[in-house]
Amino acid sequence: MILLPGDAEARSFNDDSSPDTRVTSNLKVSVDAQVIPGSSLAWYYDLLLMCGPSSGELKSSIVWEKFRDRPNEEQTRIWKGLSKVRIHIVDKASYLNSVLTRFAAQRIVDDSSAGRAHAMAYYAADMLIGPVDIGPVIDVASFGSDTKPLLRQATQWAAKSAATFHEAVEIFEAEVDFYGAMPDELLRRKMKARILDKHAFDKGDGKQIERLERARGTVLNVLQTFEVDPFANRKPNPPAVPKHIEVDSSMSYLVQTADIAAGFASKLLEVGGLVRVATIFEYVTYNGVRLTQADAERLHKKHEG
């Protein structure tokens, strides 16, 4: 079978995984891996050679078992390339002290990259004039009403949202001090450009992608050109906004690389927790916030205490 990269216009290719719930207190942790086209995939081809001929798609669980039996020198070489993949983690355990499941789900969404970008978009559009209830970036009722599916869906969606929104969040955080209390059109345009990027996701989660598109439309509407009346109805998004797409991982080697990376990150969470993930991977977010190794160590000590 000949594998192709996938949609040439996609800014990134994404797939998700979760560590074994037996080591996460029976709570789902969502791990999304984001592969940026153009980055070296030598590590992926090394893994293919390691696994030998295959008639179907290689899954991360199989690759992991073969990988961990390889010599340390070979593992180190592969980790060096694999570490460039972006990893986005959402852990609902941090929210379970909420009284109601719906509130926990809403906090997960609000803390996600999408929720943060939504709040920042209001500020960047000069709309935070005194206390303003900006509302949620997405209605958590769309995830369903049953307790476990609601939290599981919210957690998975929050991890997926990082591909679309986290670069816009980083632009805001890096530049907002320069603009001070008067964010101008340039900041809005920079944020909007990142949110307009098309991303590809493994096929099979169409409803989550639909929710992601609704959230993207909500944030883009806020980022439209500033009106004299900040509470006036804004014009709808132009129809040319490129839609995110689903790609069958069996047909795209870039989605397969994301699958393997997400699986490997999940295994690291099982054996070494957040510290191990943040040590190996260069770009990690946790519950919507960029995570360094020092941050991971502080969280580990807090949880241990």
Protein backbone atom coordinates (compact mmCIF):
# COMPACT_ATOMS: atom_id res chain seq x y z
CA MET A 1 0.00 0.00 0.00
CA ILE A 2 1.31 3.45 -0.95
CA LEU A 3 0.83 6.02 1.80
CA LEU A 4 0.45 9.72 1.02
CA PRO A 5 1.04 12.62 3.43
CA GLY A 6 -2.56 13.88 3.32
CA ASP A 7 -4.11 17.25 2.52
CA ALA A 8 -1.37 19.58 1.26
CA GLU A 9 -3.08 22.63 2.78
CA ALA A 10 -3.27 21.24 6.32
CA ARG A 11 -1.14 23.10 8.83
CA SER A 12 -0.85 20.00 11.03
CA PHE A 13 -1.92 16.37 11.32
CA ASN A 14 -3.34 15.11 14.60
CA ASP A 15 -4.31 11.93 16.38
CA ASP A 16 -5.06 11.15 20.00
CA SER A 17 -4.54 8.45 22.59
CA SER A 18 -4.96 7.86 26.32
CA PRO A 19 -2.85 6.13 28.95
CA ASP A 20 -4.20 3.01 30.61
CA THR A 21 -6.83 4.15 33.12
CA ARG A 22 -5.52 1.58 35.60
CA VAL A 23 -2.58 3.92 36.20
CA THR A 24 -4.64 7.15 36.11
CA SER A 25 -7.07 6.33 38.93
CA ASN A 26 -9.66 5.12 36.37
CA LEU A 27 -9.84 8.65 34.92
CA LYS A 28 -9.43 9.38 31.24
CA VAL A 29 -6.49 11.55 30.24
CA SER A 30 -6.55 12.74 26.62
CA VAL A 31 -3.28 13.04 24.73
CA ASP A 32 -3.27 14.70 21.31
CA ALA A 33 -0.16 14.60 19.14
CA GLN A 34 0.31 17.32 16.52
CA VAL A 35 2.69 16.74 13.62
CA ILE A 36 3.75 19.78 11.59
CA PRO A 37 4.45 18.95 7.91
CA GLY A 38 8.02 19.67 6.86
CA SER A 39 9.64 18.48 10.09
CA SER A 40 12.02 15.52 9.86
CA LEU A 41 10.37 12.10 9.98
CA ALA A 42 13.58 10.09 10.13
CA TRP A 43 12.42 8.73 13.49
CA TYR A 44 9.24 7.40 11.86
CA TYR A 45 11.13 5.60 9.10
CA ASP A 46 13.50 4.13 11.71
CA LEU A 47 10.47 2.72 13.53
CA LEU A 48 9.08 1.28 10.28
CA LEU A 49 12.37 -0.50 9.62
CA MET A 50 12.41 -1.73 13.19
CA CYS A 51 8.93 -3.26 12.86
CA GLY A 52 9.58 -4.88 9.49
CA PRO A 53 7.12 -5.45 6.62
CA SER A 54 3.45 -4.96 7.44
CA SER A 55 0.33 -5.43 5.35
CA GLY A 56 -1.66 -2.88 7.32
CA GLU A 57 -1.38 0.23 9.46
CA LEU A 58 1.16 0.11 12.27
CA LYS A 59 -0.42 0.94 15.61
CA SER A 60 1.45 2.67 18.42
CA SER A 61 0.97 -0.19 20.90
CA ILE A 62 2.79 -2.63 18.59
CA VAL A 63 5.53 -0.13 17.75
CA TRP A 64 6.07 0.66 21.44
CA GLU A 65 6.64 -2.98 22.37
CA LYS A 66 9.31 -3.35 19.69
CA PHE A 67 10.85 0.04 20.46
CA ARG A 68 11.46 -0.57 24.15
CA ASP A 69 13.45 -3.73 23.35
CA ARG A 70 15.91 -1.81 21.20
CA PRO A 71 19.38 -0.74 22.43
CA ASN A 72 19.55 2.56 24.35
CA GLU A 73 21.57 4.23 21.61
CA GLU A 74 18.90 3.47 19.03
CA GLN A 75 16.10 4.63 21.36
CA THR A 76 17.93 7.90 22.03
CA ARG A 77 18.26 8.60 18.31
CA ILE A 78 14.56 8.00 17.73
CA TRP A 79 13.50 10.08 20.74
CA LYS A 80 15.59 12.97 19.42
CA GLY A 81 13.41 13.22 16.32
CA LEU A 82 10.15 12.21 17.97
CA SER A 83 10.61 14.95 20.58
CA LYS A 84 9.74 17.59 17.96
CA VAL A 85 6.10 16.45 17.82
CA ARG A 86 3.78 18.70 19.81
CA ILE A 87 1.90 17.01 22.65
CA HIS A 88 -1.33 18.37 24.17
CA ILE A 89 -2.64 16.77 27.36
CA VAL A 90 -5.93 17.34 29.15
CA ASP A 91 -6.43 15.65 32.52
CA LYS A 92 -9.92 15.83 33.96
CA ALA A 93 -8.66 14.80 37.42
CA SER A 94 -7.78 18.46 38.04
CA TYR A 95 -11.47 19.37 37.77
CA LEU A 96 -13.23 16.68 39.75
CA ASN A 97 -13.56 18.78 42.88
CA SER A 98 -16.36 20.65 41.11
CA VAL A 99 -19.76 20.02 42.71
CA LEU A 100 -21.51 19.20 39.45
CA THR A 101 -20.28 17.27 36.44
CA ARG A 102 -21.50 20.01 34.10
CA PHE A 103 -19.43 22.62 35.97
CA ALA A 104 -16.37 20.35 35.75
CA ALA A 105 -16.90 19.98 31.99
CA GLN A 106 -17.31 23.74 31.62
CA ARG A 107 -14.06 24.38 33.49
CA ILE A 108 -12.27 21.91 31.22
CA VAL A 109 -13.57 23.81 28.18
CA ASP A 110 -12.81 27.24 29.66
CA ASP A 111 -9.23 26.22 30.47
CA SER A 112 -8.65 24.66 27.06
CA SER A 113 -6.70 26.43 24.35
CA ALA A 114 -10.04 27.23 22.70
CA GLY A 115 -11.46 28.75 25.89
CA ARG A 116 -8.34 30.81 26.50
CA ALA A 117 -8.25 32.04 22.90
CA HIS A 118 -11.90 33.04 23.20
CA ALA A 119 -11.28 35.15 26.30
CA MET A 120 -8.13 36.68 24.79
CA ALA A 121 -9.99 37.47 21.56
CA TYR A 122 -12.43 39.63 23.50
CA TYR A 123 -9.58 41.56 25.05
CA ALA A 124 -7.76 41.85 21.72
CA ALA A 125 -10.96 43.21 20.18
CA ASP A 126 -11.28 45.93 22.84
CA MET A 127 -14.48 44.39 24.14
CA LEU A 128 -13.63 44.00 27.82
CA ILE A 129 -14.97 47.34 28.96
CA GLY A 130 -15.73 46.65 32.59
CA PRO A 131 -17.10 43.26 33.67
CA VAL A 132 -18.46 41.40 30.67
CA ASP A 133 -19.87 37.89 30.61
CA ILE A 134 -18.35 36.59 27.39
CA GLY A 135 -20.09 33.24 27.62
CA PRO A 136 -18.51 29.88 26.79
CA VAL A 137 -16.63 29.18 23.58
CA ILE A 138 -18.90 26.15 23.18
CA ASP A 139 -21.98 24.90 24.99
CA VAL A 140 -20.99 21.82 27.01
CA ALA A 141 -24.52 20.51 26.55
CA SER A 142 -23.38 19.45 23.08
CA PHE A 143 -21.24 16.76 24.72
CA GLY A 144 -24.32 15.03 26.13
CA SER A 145 -25.89 14.82 29.56
CA ASP A 146 -24.63 11.50 30.95
CA THR A 147 -21.87 12.04 33.50
CA LYS A 148 -19.06 9.87 32.13
CA PRO A 149 -19.55 10.62 28.42
CA LEU A 150 -19.84 14.34 29.18
CA LEU A 151 -16.48 14.54 30.95
CA ARG A 152 -14.81 12.16 28.53
CA GLN A 153 -16.01 14.11 25.49
CA ALA A 154 -15.08 17.47 27.02
CA THR A 155 -11.60 16.19 27.90
CA GLN A 156 -10.99 14.78 24.43
CA TRP A 157 -12.31 17.92 22.71
CA ALA A 158 -10.17 20.21 24.86
CA ALA A 159 -7.03 18.30 23.84
CA LYS A 160 -8.00 18.48 20.15
CA SER A 161 -8.62 22.23 20.37
CA ALA A 162 -4.94 22.95 21.01
CA ALA A 163 -4.02 22.33 17.36
CA THR A 164 -6.36 25.12 16.26
CA PHE A 165 -5.99 27.65 19.06
CA HIS A 166 -2.76 27.32 21.01
CA GLU A 167 -0.57 29.30 18.61
CA ALA A 168 -3.05 32.19 18.80
CA VAL A 169 -2.85 31.99 22.60
CA GLU A 170 0.95 32.15 22.44
CA ILE A 171 0.85 35.17 20.11
CA PHE A 172 -1.43 37.01 22.54
CA GLU A 173 0.71 36.15 25.57
CA ALA A 174 3.92 37.20 23.80
CA GLU A 175 2.64 40.51 22.45
CA VAL A 176 -0.15 41.79 24.69
CA ASP A 177 2.24 43.72 26.97
CA PHE A 178 3.52 45.63 23.94
CA TYR A 179 0.00 46.80 23.09
CA GLY A 180 -1.01 47.37 26.70
CA ALA A 181 -4.62 48.37 27.22
CA MET A 182 -5.07 49.20 23.52
CA PRO A 183 -4.58 46.02 21.47
CA ASP A 184 -4.64 47.07 17.84
CA GLU A 185 -5.67 45.47 14.57
CA LEU A 186 -2.26 43.84 14.00
CA LEU A 187 -2.59 41.64 17.10
CA ARG A 188 -6.09 40.60 16.06
CA ARG A 189 -4.90 39.76 12.56
CA LYS A 190 -2.02 37.65 13.86
CA MET A 191 -4.33 35.67 16.13
CA LYS A 192 -6.91 35.29 13.37
CA ALA A 193 -4.31 34.04 10.87
CA ARG A 194 -3.35 31.16 13.16
CA ILE A 195 -6.97 30.22 13.88
CA LEU A 196 -7.77 30.24 10.15
CA ASP A 197 -5.21 27.51 9.47
CA LYS A 198 -6.66 24.20 8.33
CA HIS A 199 -5.78 21.11 10.40
CA ALA A 200 -6.24 17.40 9.71
CA PHE A 201 -7.47 14.87 12.27
CA ASP A 202 -7.71 11.11 12.25
CA LYS A 203 -10.99 9.97 10.75
CA GLY A 204 -13.75 8.77 13.05
CA ASP A 205 -14.52 11.72 15.30
CA GLY A 206 -16.68 13.90 13.10
CA LYS A 207 -18.81 15.31 15.92
CA GLN A 208 -15.74 16.58 17.77
CA ILE A 209 -14.52 18.28 14.59
CA GLU A 210 -17.95 19.88 14.13
CA ARG A 211 -17.75 21.25 17.67
CA LEU A 212 -14.25 22.51 16.96
CA GLU A 213 -15.52 24.33 13.88
CA ARG A 214 -18.29 25.98 15.89
CA ALA A 215 -15.78 27.17 18.47
CA ARG A 216 -13.49 28.43 15.72
CA GLY A 217 -16.35 30.42 14.22
CA THR A 218 -17.18 31.90 17.63
CA VAL A 219 -13.62 33.13 18.21
CA LEU A 220 -13.21 34.40 14.63
CA ASN A 221 -16.41 36.42 14.97
CA VAL A 222 -14.97 38.13 18.04
CA LEU A 223 -11.77 38.91 16.16
CA GLN A 224 -13.55 40.72 13.33
CA THR A 225 -12.62 44.36 12.79
CA PHE A 226 -13.45 46.47 15.84
CA GLU A 227 -16.78 48.29 15.73
CA VAL A 228 -17.52 51.66 17.37
CA ASP A 229 -20.13 49.87 19.47
CA PRO A 230 -18.29 46.85 20.95
CA PHE A 231 -21.60 45.11 21.64
CA ALA A 232 -23.01 45.59 18.15
CA ASN A 233 -23.77 42.49 16.11
CA ARG A 234 -20.69 41.51 14.19
CA LYS A 235 -20.72 40.31 10.62
CA PRO A 236 -20.59 36.53 10.17
CA ASN A 237 -17.34 34.92 9.08
CA PRO A 238 -16.64 34.97 5.34
CA PRO A 239 -17.54 31.65 3.71
CA ALA A 240 -13.95 31.08 2.57
CA VAL A 241 -12.75 29.89 6.00
CA PRO A 242 -10.92 26.58 5.29
CA LYS A 243 -12.58 23.73 7.16
CA HIS A 244 -10.70 21.18 9.23
CA ILE A 245 -10.69 17.74 7.69
CA GLU A 246 -10.72 14.11 8.72
CA VAL A 247 -8.06 11.86 7.18
CA ASP A 248 -7.99 8.08 7.31
CA SER A 249 -4.79 7.19 9.14
CA SER A 250 -4.37 4.06 7.00
CA MET A 251 -3.93 6.35 3.99
CA SER A 252 -1.73 9.11 5.49
CA TYR A 253 1.72 8.60 6.95
CA LEU A 254 1.49 11.99 8.71
CA VAL A 255 -1.59 10.88 10.65
CA GLN A 256 0.20 7.61 11.41
CA THR A 257 3.14 9.53 12.84
CA ALA A 258 0.71 11.45 15.05
CA ASP A 259 -0.85 8.16 16.18
CA ILE A 260 2.54 6.75 17.15
CA ALA A 261 3.61 9.95 18.90
CA ALA A 262 0.35 10.13 20.89
CA GLY A 263 0.73 6.48 21.87
CA PHE A 264 4.33 6.96 22.96
CA ALA A 265 3.41 10.05 25.01
CA SER A 266 0.63 8.05 26.68
CA LYS A 267 3.10 5.30 27.58
CA LEU A 268 5.45 7.89 29.06
CA LEU A 269 2.58 9.18 31.20
CA GLU A 270 2.00 5.65 32.46
CA VAL A 271 5.60 4.98 33.44
CA GLY A 272 6.91 8.43 34.37
CA GLY A 273 4.03 10.90 34.58
CA LEU A 274 4.07 14.46 33.30
CA VAL A 275 7.71 14.94 34.23
CA ARG A 276 8.79 12.22 31.84
CA VAL A 277 6.66 13.62 29.00
CA ALA A 278 7.95 17.16 29.53
CA THR A 279 11.53 15.86 29.67
CA ILE A 280 11.28 14.02 26.35
CA PHE A 281 9.03 16.29 24.26
CA GLU A 282 10.00 19.89 23.52
CA TYR A 283 6.48 21.28 23.15
CA VAL A 284 3.86 20.13 25.68
CA THR A 285 0.64 21.75 26.85
CA TYR A 286 -1.28 20.62 29.92
CA ASN A 287 -4.89 21.69 30.44
CA GLY A 288 -4.42 24.48 27.90
CA VAL A 289 -1.14 25.88 29.26
CA ARG A 290 2.39 25.41 27.87
CA LEU A 291 4.27 23.07 30.20
CA THR A 292 8.00 23.08 30.90
CA GLN A 293 9.93 20.38 32.73
CA ALA A 294 10.11 22.64 35.81
CA ASP A 295 6.32 23.13 35.67
CA ALA A 296 5.81 19.38 35.48
CA GLU A 297 8.07 18.82 38.47
CA ARG A 298 6.13 21.40 40.50
CA LEU A 299 2.84 19.72 39.63
CA HIS A 300 4.27 16.35 40.56
CA LYS A 301 5.40 17.61 43.97
CA LYS A 302 2.01 19.25 44.53
CA HIS A 303 0.16 16.03 43.77
CA GLU A 304 2.57 13.97 45.86
CA GLY A 305 2.13 16.38 48.79
